Amino acid sequence: MYDIYLGGILWRDTKDHEILVDFCGLTLYMIHEQFYDKFLSLTGDIDIDRELAGKGDYKLCWPLVATQHNGFSDNRKSDLNFDRYKKSMFYYNGEITDSQNFSFRS
């Protein structure tokens, strides 16, 4: 079960390499219906990902299936480069191997 299933993020903090503690970026996500009201009640005073911290059970697809591209950010109103974040992420390349762990638990 999950509150939000994340398919693309920029940054993550995990505990014991498998429990998702915190994340940044909502490139691709799916919200479970039981979490709709809580999600819709966010104030929007700060970035949504920051406001979500500690408010739900978040699962991360691993490897990630979506990425954020460098370029103009509507949120920041400037050009951004995400390359430094991508170095610590693992992205699905079309092949599945036995050594890949495809989801984090929380």
Protein backbone atom coordinates (compact mmCIF):
# COMPACT_ATOMS: atom_id res chain seq x y z
CA MET A 1 0.00 0.00 0.00
CA TYR A 2 1.08 3.59 -0.55
CA ASP A 3 -0.18 7.16 -0.31
CA ILE A 4 1.92 8.38 -3.22
CA TYR A 5 3.83 6.19 -5.67
CA LEU A 6 6.79 8.06 -7.15
CA GLY A 7 8.15 7.24 -10.59
CA GLY A 8 10.45 10.22 -11.00
CA ILE A 9 12.15 12.38 -8.38
CA LEU A 10 15.33 14.46 -8.18
CA TRP A 11 16.63 13.62 -4.71
CA ARG A 12 15.90 11.12 -1.98
CA ASP A 13 16.83 10.29 1.57
CA THR A 14 16.52 6.65 2.55
CA LYS A 15 16.99 4.69 5.72
CA ASP A 16 18.83 1.38 5.42
CA HIS A 17 18.85 1.86 1.62
CA GLU A 18 15.20 0.92 1.29
CA ILE A 19 12.93 3.06 3.46
CA LEU A 20 12.06 6.33 1.75
CA VAL A 21 12.37 9.04 4.40
CA ASP A 22 12.25 12.21 2.27
CA PHE A 23 12.27 13.20 -1.40
CA CYS A 24 12.39 16.20 -3.70
CA GLY A 25 10.68 16.48 -7.05
CA LEU A 26 7.37 15.23 -8.37
CA THR A 27 8.25 14.43 -11.97
CA LEU A 28 5.91 11.43 -12.11
CA TYR A 29 3.59 10.39 -9.31
CA MET A 30 0.36 8.56 -8.58
CA ILE A 31 -1.82 9.43 -5.60
CA HIS A 32 -3.87 6.71 -3.90
CA GLU A 33 -7.53 7.67 -3.48
CA GLN A 34 -7.26 7.35 0.33
CA PHE A 35 -4.73 10.22 0.24
CA TYR A 36 -6.66 12.63 -2.03
CA ASP A 37 -8.11 14.78 0.75
CA LYS A 38 -4.78 15.14 2.53
CA PHE A 39 -3.03 16.00 -0.75
CA LEU A 40 -5.70 18.53 -1.73
CA SER A 41 -5.50 20.15 1.72
CA LEU A 42 -1.87 21.21 1.22
CA THR A 43 -1.55 24.97 1.44
CA GLY A 44 0.83 25.49 -1.48
CA ASP A 45 2.75 28.07 0.56
CA ILE A 46 5.93 26.06 -0.05
CA ASP A 47 6.91 23.53 -2.72
CA ILE A 48 4.49 20.59 -2.62
CA ASP A 49 7.24 18.02 -2.12
CA ARG A 50 8.52 19.95 0.89
CA GLU A 51 5.02 20.24 2.32
CA LEU A 52 4.48 16.47 1.90
CA ALA A 53 7.47 15.61 4.12
CA GLY A 54 6.37 13.27 6.89
CA LYS A 55 2.70 13.30 5.90
CA GLY A 56 2.36 9.97 4.15
CA ASP A 57 3.61 6.59 3.07
CA TYR A 58 5.61 7.15 -0.12
CA LYS A 59 6.82 4.35 -2.38
CA LEU A 60 9.56 4.84 -4.95
CA CYS A 61 9.80 2.96 -8.22
CA TRP A 62 13.41 1.80 -8.53
CA PRO A 63 14.89 2.16 -10.99
CA LEU A 64 13.15 5.42 -11.79
CA VAL A 65 11.08 5.54 -14.97
CA ALA A 66 10.98 9.33 -15.47
CA THR A 67 13.56 12.08 -15.28
CA GLN A 68 13.58 15.85 -15.05
CA HIS A 69 15.22 17.53 -18.03
CA ASN A 70 17.46 20.57 -17.79
CA GLY A 71 15.86 23.82 -18.91
CA PHE A 72 13.41 26.50 -17.88
CA SER A 73 11.55 25.92 -14.62
CA ASP A 74 8.06 27.40 -14.29
CA ASN A 75 8.42 27.13 -10.49
CA ARG A 76 11.75 28.95 -10.26
CA LYS A 77 11.28 31.18 -13.36
CA SER A 78 14.83 30.43 -14.49
CA ASP A 79 16.92 27.80 -16.27
CA LEU A 80 17.91 24.87 -14.08
CA ASN A 81 20.43 22.08 -14.50
CA PHE A 82 19.59 18.79 -12.74
CA ASP A 83 22.70 16.83 -13.71
CA ARG A 84 24.14 16.83 -10.17
CA TYR A 85 21.03 15.05 -8.87
CA LYS A 86 20.98 12.43 -11.62
CA LYS A 87 24.38 11.05 -10.60
CA SER A 88 22.91 9.39 -7.50
CA MET A 89 19.83 7.99 -9.26
CA PHE A 90 19.31 4.82 -11.25
CA TYR A 91 17.05 5.01 -14.31
CA TYR A 92 15.28 2.21 -16.12
CA ASN A 93 16.99 1.59 -19.47
CA GLY A 94 14.56 -0.90 -20.98
CA GLU A 95 16.20 -4.02 -19.57
CA ILE A 96 15.47 -5.91 -16.37
CA THR A 97 18.21 -7.74 -14.51
CA ASP A 98 18.00 -9.87 -11.39
CA SER A 99 20.22 -7.42 -9.50
CA GLN A 100 17.79 -4.51 -9.78
CA ASN A 101 15.56 -3.68 -6.83
CA PHE A 102 12.37 -2.25 -8.31
CA SER A 103 10.79 -0.59 -5.31
CA PHE A 104 11.60 0.96 -1.98
CA ARG A 105 9.41 0.37 1.00
CA SER A 106 8.51 2.92 3.61
